[in-house]
Amino acid sequence: MKAVILVGGKATRLLPLTSKLPKALVPVLNTPFLEYVICHLRRHRITEIILALGNLAEPIESYFGDGSRFGVKLSYTVEKTPYGTAGGIKNAEKFLDESFIVLNGDVFTDLDITAMMTFHYRKKALVTIALTCVDDPTSYGVITTDVEGRVSLFREKPRSGEVTSNVINAGTYILEPSVLAQISPGTEVSIEREVFPSLLAQGAPIYAYTSSAYWLDIGTHGKYLQLHRDLLNGKCHQHVLDLRHDVLIGAESNLHPSAQIMGPVVIGASCFIGREVKLIGPSVIGAGGNIMENSVVDGSIIWPNTWIGPGVNVKNSILANRCFLHANSVVEESVLGDNVIVCDSCRLKSGSRIFPGTIVGAET
């Protein structure tokens, strides 16, 4: 079976982190997000993968290349204008001559893909849709099935008063190639809002595969932080890091003996952790990070090559690449884009979103 991964979105909800970086390359435990998705497919013996790209395609192609470094064969399609979820799949039609699986490129899951494939063939389905349960289904597509698992109703993003179930479309599908005939080429088409309901109206065999697999859409800052907390606390089977004593320290990193680390904490390669620094997990420090004396990093994700000066306090925040926090500054529950400078003793207001290259020189 081949796979199509939809990674063409603009990731506006993750701004300013995605101002110049595609969501597919946003680091998770210091590894690009999409690398986890590809490796998960490979573990289920799916090694021919098509990446349906759009916004910021070049950095993705540059990083992943032909896929051989990851044990897979990668092909690419690039949309000049957005084609929607179905249009993105249609754009990859030339590669798809057999049953294939489609994954949304912003979902982290340990779904048993092999079991889902077995279910699809056993049911002789035209479409199989993975389901998951969420607390609030109003941002997703709610699906109703009969006792055999055959889909009887789609309701996309219902209002709170219309919710009849918390079981939603999990963004992973197995499709037969004949589905592609239902999609007009070169136009924006939604597979969730248009193609699936149309097939259902035609009486097509559409089935839902329900599992208790870990599932998280990382489309917001809060969910991005939650994913790190979940992985560091072992809530997903894809968690592969060996955190002995709740700490993982990368090669050539230098920690002062007086530094205090309360895990789970991941420290990348070539980092410097100074005197009396406190690192409180769940936290991740990217490669090349420098945290100077008497600073505190608590429940935060720090991307590579960021410099945190003496006496700085960073809590429940995300700092992108090459940020520079001067002495005694405070960053709490905030998100900083690349190359942000926070000046001496500056305190960012909770909920601040600072775009790349900004110099924060007064209380914000």
Protein backbone atom coordinates (compact mmCIF):
# COMPACT_ATOMS: atom_id res chain seq x y z
CA MET A 1 0.00 0.00 0.00
CA LYS A 2 1.17 3.53 -0.79
CA ALA A 3 0.55 6.60 1.35
CA VAL A 4 -0.31 10.22 0.66
CA ILE A 5 0.49 12.74 3.39
CA LEU A 6 -1.27 16.10 3.09
CA VAL A 7 1.21 18.77 4.16
CA GLY A 8 0.14 21.76 2.08
CA GLY A 9 -1.54 23.95 4.70
CA LYS A 10 -0.34 27.38 5.81
CA ALA A 11 -0.46 26.55 9.53
CA THR A 12 -1.79 29.98 10.46
CA ARG A 13 -2.85 28.81 13.93
CA LEU A 14 0.79 28.08 14.78
CA LEU A 15 2.05 31.55 13.86
CA PRO A 16 4.57 33.02 14.62
CA LEU A 17 6.35 29.65 14.73
CA THR A 18 5.40 28.93 11.12
CA SER A 19 6.17 32.35 9.63
CA LYS A 20 9.02 30.83 7.61
CA LEU A 21 8.92 27.18 8.66
CA PRO A 22 6.32 24.69 7.37
CA LYS A 23 4.37 22.83 10.03
CA ALA A 24 5.90 19.58 8.77
CA LEU A 25 9.32 20.72 10.01
CA VAL A 26 8.22 22.08 13.39
CA PRO A 27 10.43 20.22 15.90
CA VAL A 28 8.96 17.68 18.29
CA LEU A 29 11.53 16.48 20.83
CA ASN A 30 14.11 18.11 18.53
CA THR A 31 13.00 16.07 15.49
CA PRO A 32 10.83 17.44 12.63
CA PHE A 33 7.19 16.48 13.10
CA LEU A 34 6.79 14.84 9.70
CA GLU A 35 9.71 12.50 10.37
CA TYR A 36 7.60 10.76 13.02
CA VAL A 37 4.74 10.29 10.55
CA ILE A 38 7.05 8.81 7.91
CA CYS A 39 8.75 6.47 10.37
CA HIS A 40 5.37 5.31 11.68
CA LEU A 41 4.31 4.37 8.15
CA ARG A 42 7.59 2.53 7.61
CA ARG A 43 7.01 0.48 10.75
CA HIS A 44 3.80 -0.72 9.10
CA ARG A 45 5.70 -1.65 5.91
CA ILE A 46 4.44 1.33 3.94
CA THR A 47 7.53 2.63 2.16
CA GLU A 48 6.17 4.40 -0.95
CA ILE A 49 4.98 7.81 0.20
CA ILE A 50 3.75 10.85 -1.71
CA LEU A 51 3.99 14.23 0.03
CA ALA A 52 1.27 16.59 -1.21
CA LEU A 53 2.89 19.99 -0.70
CA GLY A 54 1.79 23.58 -1.03
CA ASN A 55 3.03 26.37 1.21
CA LEU A 56 6.82 26.39 1.88
CA ALA A 57 7.43 23.22 -0.13
CA GLU A 58 11.17 23.71 -0.77
CA PRO A 59 12.39 23.28 2.84
CA ILE A 60 10.46 20.01 3.11
CA GLU A 61 11.92 18.59 -0.10
CA SER A 62 15.37 19.75 0.93
CA TYR A 63 15.18 18.00 4.32
CA PHE A 64 13.60 14.70 3.27
CA GLY A 65 15.02 14.33 -0.25
CA ASP A 66 14.20 11.00 -1.88
CA GLY A 67 13.45 9.43 1.51
CA SER A 68 16.28 6.90 1.43
CA ARG A 69 17.75 8.33 4.64
CA PHE A 70 14.51 7.29 6.37
CA GLY A 71 14.12 3.90 4.69
CA VAL A 72 11.31 4.97 2.33
CA LYS A 73 10.79 6.21 -1.23
CA LEU A 74 9.38 9.73 -1.37
CA SER A 75 7.64 11.46 -4.26
CA TYR A 76 6.28 15.00 -4.27
CA THR A 77 3.39 16.97 -5.69
CA VAL A 78 3.17 20.74 -5.25
CA GLU A 79 -0.02 22.82 -5.44
CA LYS A 80 0.40 26.31 -6.89
CA THR A 81 -2.99 27.22 -5.41
CA PRO A 82 -4.82 25.40 -2.58
CA TYR A 83 -6.82 22.42 -3.83
CA GLY A 84 -8.28 21.35 -0.49
CA THR A 85 -7.94 17.88 1.02
CA ALA A 86 -9.50 16.04 -1.93
CA GLY A 87 -7.77 18.19 -4.53
CA GLY A 88 -4.42 17.48 -2.92
CA ILE A 89 -5.10 13.73 -3.20
CA LYS A 90 -6.25 14.11 -6.81
CA ASN A 91 -3.01 15.91 -7.58
CA ALA A 92 -1.16 12.71 -6.63
CA GLU A 93 -3.36 10.48 -8.82
CA LYS A 94 -0.56 9.44 -11.18
CA PHE A 95 1.10 7.58 -8.29
CA LEU A 96 -2.06 5.83 -7.07
CA ASP A 97 -2.93 2.61 -8.90
CA GLU A 98 -3.89 0.49 -5.86
CA SER A 99 -5.42 0.88 -2.40
CA PHE A 100 -3.74 3.77 -0.61
CA ILE A 101 -3.76 5.47 2.76
CA VAL A 102 -4.14 9.23 3.30
CA LEU A 103 -2.91 11.06 6.39
CA ASN A 104 -3.36 14.65 7.45
CA GLY A 105 0.09 16.07 8.05
CA ASP A 106 -0.75 17.75 11.35
CA VAL A 107 -1.92 14.67 13.28
CA PHE A 108 0.32 12.73 15.66
CA THR A 109 -0.96 9.21 16.26
CA ASP A 110 0.18 5.69 17.06
CA LEU A 111 -2.77 4.22 15.13
CA ASP A 112 -2.31 0.53 14.22
CA ILE A 113 -2.28 1.04 10.46
CA THR A 114 -1.80 -2.67 9.75
CA ALA A 115 -4.97 -3.53 11.67
CA MET A 116 -6.85 -0.77 9.85
CA MET A 117 -5.74 -2.18 6.48
CA THR A 118 -6.95 -5.65 7.51
CA PHE A 119 -10.31 -4.17 8.52
CA HIS A 120 -10.60 -2.31 5.18
CA TYR A 121 -10.06 -5.45 3.12
CA ARG A 122 -12.28 -7.62 5.31
CA LYS A 123 -15.16 -5.17 4.91
CA LYS A 124 -14.50 -4.80 1.16
CA ALA A 125 -14.76 -1.08 1.76
CA LEU A 126 -14.38 1.67 -0.82
CA VAL A 127 -13.36 4.04 1.98
CA THR A 128 -12.29 3.38 5.55
CA ILE A 129 -12.04 6.30 7.96
CA ALA A 130 -10.16 6.17 11.24
CA LEU A 131 -12.16 7.47 14.20
CA THR A 132 -11.13 8.85 17.57
CA CYS A 133 -12.88 10.32 20.60
CA VAL A 134 -12.40 13.95 21.71
CA ASP A 135 -13.84 16.09 24.48
CA ASP A 136 -15.11 18.81 22.13
CA PRO A 137 -16.08 17.61 18.63
CA THR A 138 -17.29 21.02 17.35
CA SER A 139 -13.99 21.68 15.54
CA TYR A 140 -14.03 18.34 13.73
CA GLY A 141 -16.21 16.05 11.63
CA VAL A 142 -18.59 13.86 13.64
CA ILE A 143 -19.40 10.44 12.17
CA THR A 144 -22.28 8.09 12.92
CA THR A 145 -22.09 4.36 12.14
CA ASP A 146 -24.25 1.27 12.37
CA VAL A 147 -23.37 -1.78 14.46
CA GLU A 148 -21.18 -3.18 11.65
CA GLY A 149 -19.13 -0.01 11.47
CA ARG A 150 -20.65 1.22 8.21
CA VAL A 151 -20.95 5.00 8.08
CA SER A 152 -24.50 6.33 8.02
CA LEU A 153 -23.98 10.07 8.60
CA PHE A 154 -21.36 12.81 8.32
CA ARG A 155 -21.69 16.09 10.17
CA GLU A 156 -18.77 18.48 9.70
CA LYS A 157 -18.01 20.82 12.62
CA PRO A 158 -21.42 20.69 14.31
CA ARG A 159 -22.59 23.42 16.64
CA SER A 160 -22.65 22.57 20.32
CA GLY A 161 -26.41 22.03 20.24
CA GLU A 162 -26.10 19.65 17.28
CA VAL A 163 -23.53 17.31 18.83
CA THR A 164 -24.81 13.76 19.10
CA SER A 165 -21.45 12.02 19.49
CA ASN A 166 -17.86 12.78 20.45
CA VAL A 167 -16.49 10.30 17.89
CA ILE A 168 -14.77 12.20 15.11
CA ASN A 169 -12.96 11.77 11.82
CA ALA A 170 -9.31 11.25 12.84
CA GLY A 171 -7.84 12.37 9.51
CA THR A 172 -6.54 8.98 8.34
CA TYR A 173 -8.27 7.25 5.41
CA ILE A 174 -7.82 4.15 3.28
CA LEU A 175 -9.21 4.66 -0.22
CA GLU A 176 -9.64 2.59 -3.34
CA PRO A 177 -8.36 4.27 -6.53
CA SER A 178 -11.88 4.53 -8.00
CA VAL A 179 -12.62 7.26 -5.44
CA LEU A 180 -10.36 9.57 -7.45
CA ALA A 181 -12.92 9.64 -10.27
CA GLN A 182 -15.24 11.53 -7.90
CA ILE A 183 -12.78 14.45 -7.64
CA SER A 184 -12.54 17.16 -10.30
CA PRO A 185 -8.92 17.97 -11.20
CA GLY A 186 -7.40 21.39 -10.64
CA THR A 187 -10.15 22.63 -8.32
CA GLU A 188 -10.47 23.09 -4.57
CA VAL A 189 -12.44 20.15 -3.17
CA SER A 190 -12.90 18.94 0.41
CA ILE A 191 -12.89 15.19 0.89
CA GLU A 192 -14.67 15.54 4.25
CA ARG A 193 -17.39 18.01 3.19
CA GLU A 194 -17.94 17.02 -0.43
CA VAL A 195 -16.50 13.67 -1.55
CA PHE A 196 -17.42 11.46 1.42
CA PRO A 197 -21.04 12.74 1.71
CA SER A 198 -21.46 12.33 -2.06
CA LEU A 199 -20.21 8.74 -1.93
CA LEU A 200 -22.48 8.03 1.04
CA ALA A 201 -25.48 9.36 -0.90
CA GLN A 202 -24.57 6.94 -3.70
CA GLY A 203 -24.65 4.03 -1.27
CA ALA A 204 -20.91 3.39 -1.42
CA PRO A 205 -19.46 1.08 1.26
CA ILE A 206 -17.80 3.54 3.64
CA TYR A 207 -16.64 2.11 6.95
CA ALA A 208 -15.22 3.55 10.15
CA TYR A 209 -12.31 2.03 12.01
CA THR A 210 -12.44 2.83 15.71
CA SER A 211 -9.43 2.48 18.00
CA SER A 212 -8.11 3.76 21.29
CA ALA A 213 -4.84 4.91 19.69
CA TYR A 214 -3.15 8.10 20.82
CA TRP A 215 -4.29 11.00 18.63
CA LEU A 216 -3.55 14.72 18.67
CA ASP A 217 -3.95 17.52 16.13
CA ILE A 218 -0.95 19.81 16.73
CA GLY A 219 -2.49 22.81 14.97
CA THR A 220 -2.38 25.19 17.96
CA HIS A 221 0.29 26.31 20.42
CA GLY A 222 -1.54 24.63 23.27
CA LYS A 223 -1.74 21.30 21.43
CA TYR A 224 1.93 21.58 20.43
CA LEU A 225 2.90 21.94 24.08
CA GLN A 226 0.52 19.13 25.03
CA LEU A 227 2.15 16.77 22.52
CA HIS A 228 5.53 17.28 24.17
CA ARG A 229 4.05 16.70 27.61
CA ASP A 230 2.32 13.54 26.43
CA LEU A 231 5.42 12.14 24.74
CA LEU A 232 7.70 12.95 27.64
CA ASN A 233 5.24 11.29 30.01
CA GLY A 234 4.99 8.14 27.87
CA LYS A 235 1.37 8.50 26.75
CA CYS A 236 2.08 7.52 23.14
CA HIS A 237 3.67 4.33 21.83
CA GLN A 238 5.68 6.37 19.33
CA HIS A 239 7.72 7.77 22.21
CA VAL A 240 11.12 6.28 21.47
CA LEU A 241 13.53 8.36 23.56
CA ASP A 242 15.34 6.64 26.39
CA LEU A 243 14.98 9.13 29.24
CA ARG A 244 17.02 7.52 31.98
CA HIS A 245 16.28 9.26 35.24
CA ASP A 246 13.83 11.42 33.22
CA VAL A 247 16.68 13.26 31.48
CA LEU A 248 18.25 12.92 28.01
CA ILE A 249 21.40 14.95 27.32
CA GLY A 250 22.75 15.34 23.79
CA ALA A 251 26.35 14.90 22.69
CA GLU A 252 28.91 17.55 23.64
CA SER A 253 26.55 19.38 25.97
CA ASN A 254 28.04 21.00 29.07
CA LEU A 255 26.06 21.21 32.31
CA HIS A 256 27.38 23.01 35.38
CA PRO A 257 27.43 20.70 38.44
CA SER A 258 25.13 23.07 40.32
CA ALA A 259 22.42 22.99 37.64
CA GLN A 260 19.17 21.37 38.82
CA ILE A 261 17.16 19.25 36.41
CA MET A 262 13.70 18.00 37.37
CA GLY A 263 12.55 15.81 34.49
CA PRO A 264 11.28 14.86 32.14
CA VAL A 265 13.74 17.06 30.23
CA VAL A 266 15.42 16.65 26.84
CA ILE A 267 18.60 18.64 26.17
CA GLY A 268 19.91 18.71 22.60
CA ALA A 269 23.48 18.47 21.39
CA SER A 270 26.13 21.12 22.10
CA CYS A 271 24.12 22.96 24.75
CA PHE A 272 25.51 24.94 27.68
CA ILE A 273 23.61 24.92 30.97
CA GLY A 274 25.12 27.36 33.47
CA ARG A 275 25.54 27.66 37.22
CA GLU A 276 22.40 27.33 39.38
CA VAL A 277 20.16 26.95 36.34
CA LYS A 278 16.84 25.16 36.96
CA LEU A 279 15.26 23.06 34.21
CA ILE A 280 11.80 21.84 35.15
CA GLY A 281 10.02 19.33 32.95
CA PRO A 282 8.36 18.63 30.79
CA SER A 283 10.81 20.80 28.84
CA VAL A 284 12.94 20.51 25.72
CA ILE A 285 16.11 22.47 24.94
CA GLY A 286 17.14 22.54 21.28
CA ALA A 287 20.66 21.93 20.01
CA GLY A 288 23.15 24.73 20.56
CA GLY A 289 21.11 26.33 23.33
CA ASN A 290 22.80 28.43 26.00
CA ILE A 291 21.14 29.00 29.37
CA MET A 292 23.15 31.22 31.66
CA GLU A 293 23.43 31.29 35.45
CA ASN A 294 20.42 31.48 37.76
CA SER A 295 17.88 31.14 34.96
CA VAL A 296 14.75 28.96 35.11
CA VAL A 297 13.09 27.09 32.25
CA ASP A 298 9.82 25.51 33.34
CA GLY A 299 7.44 23.51 31.10
CA SER A 300 8.75 25.11 27.91
CA ILE A 301 9.97 24.18 24.43
CA ILE A 302 13.15 25.94 23.32
CA TRP A 303 14.20 25.59 19.68
CA PRO A 304 17.87 25.45 18.57
CA ASN A 305 20.53 28.12 19.06
CA THR A 306 18.59 30.21 21.55
CA TRP A 307 20.48 32.23 24.18
CA ILE A 308 18.90 32.75 27.60
CA GLY A 309 20.78 35.25 29.72
CA PRO A 310 21.38 35.26 33.48
CA GLY A 311 18.40 35.46 35.80
CA VAL A 312 15.82 34.84 33.07
CA ASN A 313 12.53 33.06 33.79
CA VAL A 314 10.80 31.13 30.98
CA LYS A 315 7.58 29.31 31.87
CA ASN A 316 5.02 27.42 29.77
CA SER A 317 6.33 29.07 26.61
CA ILE A 318 7.68 28.25 23.15
CA LEU A 319 10.82 29.96 21.88
CA ALA A 320 11.73 29.48 18.21
CA ASN A 321 15.20 29.48 16.66
CA ARG A 322 17.92 31.93 17.68
CA CYS A 323 15.94 33.90 20.24
CA PHE A 324 18.00 36.10 22.58
CA LEU A 325 16.69 36.81 26.06
CA HIS A 326 18.68 39.38 28.00
CA ALA A 327 19.30 39.29 31.75
CA ASN A 328 16.37 39.16 34.17
CA SER A 329 13.68 39.08 31.49
CA VAL A 330 10.48 37.10 32.07
CA VAL A 331 8.58 35.13 29.42
CA GLU A 332 5.46 33.32 30.63
CA GLU A 333 2.80 31.54 28.55
CA SER A 334 4.09 33.21 25.39
CA VAL A 335 5.29 32.24 21.91
CA LEU A 336 8.34 33.84 20.29
CA GLY A 337 9.20 33.50 16.60
CA ASP A 338 12.70 33.24 15.17
CA ASN A 339 15.35 35.81 16.10
CA VAL A 340 13.28 37.61 18.72
CA ILE A 341 15.29 39.74 21.16
CA VAL A 342 13.92 40.43 24.63
CA CYS A 343 15.83 43.23 26.36
CA ASP A 344 17.04 43.45 29.97
CA SER A 345 14.41 43.07 32.69
CA CYS A 346 11.56 43.06 30.15
CA ARG A 347 8.47 41.12 31.19
CA LEU A 348 6.19 39.78 28.46
CA LYS A 349 2.50 39.68 29.20
CA SER A 350 0.94 36.25 29.39
CA GLY A 351 -0.35 35.23 25.96
CA SER A 352 2.15 37.32 23.99
CA ARG A 353 2.80 36.32 20.37
CA ILE A 354 6.03 37.91 19.13
CA PHE A 355 6.81 37.67 15.41
CA PRO A 356 10.27 36.94 13.98
CA GLY A 357 12.95 39.60 14.23
CA THR A 358 11.12 41.71 16.81
CA ILE A 359 13.08 43.54 19.51
CA VAL A 360 11.03 43.73 22.69
CA GLY A 361 12.50 46.75 24.45
CA ALA A 362 9.78 47.73 26.86
CA GLU A 363 7.19 45.90 28.94
CA THR A 364 4.89 44.13 26.48
